[in-house]
């Protein structure tokens, strides 16, 4: 039973990393788009 719990924790941790990584990339892309828009406007 403890092995199942360990595997579940590892899977949940990896899933959280993937979700966090994607949201970080979206934020970075959004920042880049905002900056380039400001540069074009200026």
N, C-alpha and C. Protein backbone atom coordinates (compact mmCIF):
# COMPACT_ATOMS: atom_id res chain seq x y z
N UNK A 1 0.84 -1.21 0.00
CA UNK A 1 0.00 0.00 0.00
C UNK A 1 0.88 1.27 0.00
N UNK A 2 1.99 1.22 0.74
CA UNK A 2 2.84 2.41 0.79
C UNK A 2 3.44 2.73 -0.57
N UNK A 3 3.74 1.70 -1.37
CA UNK A 3 4.29 1.93 -2.71
C UNK A 3 3.29 2.69 -3.58
N UNK A 4 2.00 2.34 -3.47
CA UNK A 4 0.96 3.02 -4.25
C UNK A 4 0.91 4.50 -3.85
N UNK A 5 1.03 4.76 -2.57
CA UNK A 5 1.00 6.15 -2.09
C UNK A 5 2.21 6.91 -2.63
N UNK A 6 3.39 6.28 -2.59
CA UNK A 6 4.61 6.93 -3.10
C UNK A 6 4.45 7.27 -4.58
N UNK A 7 3.96 6.31 -5.35
CA UNK A 7 3.77 6.55 -6.79
C UNK A 7 2.78 7.69 -7.01
N UNK A 8 1.70 7.70 -6.23
CA UNK A 8 0.70 8.77 -6.35
C UNK A 8 1.30 10.13 -6.06
N UNK A 9 2.14 10.20 -5.02
CA UNK A 9 2.77 11.47 -4.67
C UNK A 9 3.70 11.94 -5.79
N UNK A 10 4.48 11.00 -6.35
CA UNK A 10 5.42 11.35 -7.44
C UNK A 10 4.65 11.84 -8.67
N UNK A 11 3.58 11.13 -9.02
CA UNK A 11 2.78 11.52 -10.19
C UNK A 11 2.17 12.90 -9.97
N UNK A 12 1.63 13.13 -8.77
CA UNK A 12 1.03 14.44 -8.47
C UNK A 12 2.08 15.54 -8.55
N UNK A 13 3.28 15.25 -8.04
CA UNK A 13 4.36 16.24 -8.07
C UNK A 13 4.76 16.58 -9.51
N UNK A 14 4.90 15.54 -10.34
CA UNK A 14 5.26 15.78 -11.74
C UNK A 14 4.17 16.56 -12.46
N UNK A 15 2.91 16.21 -12.19
CA UNK A 15 1.79 16.93 -12.82
C UNK A 15 1.82 18.40 -12.41
N UNK A 16 2.10 18.66 -11.13
CA UNK A 16 2.16 20.04 -10.66
C UNK A 16 3.29 20.79 -11.35
N UNK A 17 4.44 20.12 -11.54
CA UNK A 17 5.56 20.75 -12.24
C UNK A 17 5.18 21.12 -13.66
N UNK A 18 4.50 20.21 -14.36
CA UNK A 18 4.11 20.46 -15.75
C UNK A 18 3.14 21.64 -15.82
N UNK A 19 2.15 21.66 -14.94
CA UNK A 19 1.18 22.76 -14.94
C UNK A 19 1.87 24.08 -14.64
N UNK A 20 2.78 24.07 -13.64
CA UNK A 20 3.50 25.29 -13.28
C UNK A 20 4.35 25.76 -14.45
N UNK A 21 5.03 24.82 -15.12
CA UNK A 21 5.89 25.15 -16.25
C UNK A 21 5.09 25.80 -17.37
N UNK A 22 3.90 25.24 -17.64
CA UNK A 22 3.07 25.81 -18.72
C UNK A 22 2.61 27.21 -18.37
N UNK A 23 2.18 27.44 -17.13
CA UNK A 23 1.70 28.77 -16.74
C UNK A 23 2.85 29.76 -16.77
N UNK A 24 4.06 29.32 -16.42
CA UNK A 24 5.22 30.20 -16.50
C UNK A 24 5.49 30.60 -17.95
N UNK A 25 5.41 29.63 -18.87
CA UNK A 25 5.64 29.92 -20.28
C UNK A 25 4.59 30.89 -20.81
N UNK A 26 3.32 30.69 -20.42
CA UNK A 26 2.25 31.60 -20.87
C UNK A 26 2.53 33.01 -20.37
N UNK A 27 2.95 33.15 -19.10
CA UNK A 27 3.25 34.46 -18.54
C UNK A 27 4.41 35.10 -19.29
N UNK A 28 5.43 34.31 -19.61
CA UNK A 28 6.59 34.83 -20.34
C UNK A 28 6.17 35.30 -21.73
N UNK A 29 5.35 34.50 -22.42
CA UNK A 29 4.89 34.88 -23.76
C UNK A 29 4.06 36.16 -23.69
N UNK A 30 3.19 36.24 -22.68
CA UNK A 30 2.35 37.43 -22.52
C UNK A 30 3.22 38.66 -22.28
N UNK A 31 4.25 38.53 -21.45
CA UNK A 31 5.15 39.66 -21.17
C UNK A 31 5.87 40.07 -22.45
N UNK A 32 6.37 39.10 -23.20
CA UNK A 32 7.06 39.42 -24.46
C UNK A 32 6.14 40.15 -25.42
N UNK A 33 4.90 39.67 -25.55
CA UNK A 33 3.94 40.30 -26.46
C UNK A 33 3.66 41.73 -26.03
N UNK A 34 3.51 41.93 -24.71
CA UNK A 34 3.24 43.29 -24.19
C UNK A 34 4.42 44.21 -24.48
N UNK A 35 5.63 43.72 -24.24
CA UNK A 35 6.83 44.55 -24.45
C UNK A 35 6.97 44.90 -25.93
N UNK A 36 6.81 43.91 -26.82
CA UNK A 36 6.97 44.18 -28.26
C UNK A 36 5.89 45.14 -28.75
N UNK A 37 4.69 45.04 -28.19
CA UNK A 37 3.61 45.96 -28.57
C UNK A 37 3.96 47.38 -28.14
N UNK A 38 4.52 47.52 -26.95
CA UNK A 38 4.91 48.84 -26.46
C UNK A 38 6.04 49.42 -27.31
N UNK A 39 6.97 48.55 -27.71
CA UNK A 39 8.10 49.02 -28.54
C UNK A 39 7.59 49.50 -29.89
N UNK A 40 6.69 48.75 -30.51
CA UNK A 40 6.14 49.15 -31.81
C UNK A 40 5.37 50.46 -31.68
N UNK A 41 4.64 50.60 -30.57
CA UNK A 41 3.81 51.79 -30.36
C UNK A 41 4.68 53.02 -30.14
N UNK A 42 5.82 52.86 -29.47
CA UNK A 42 6.68 54.00 -29.12
C UNK A 42 7.35 54.62 -30.33
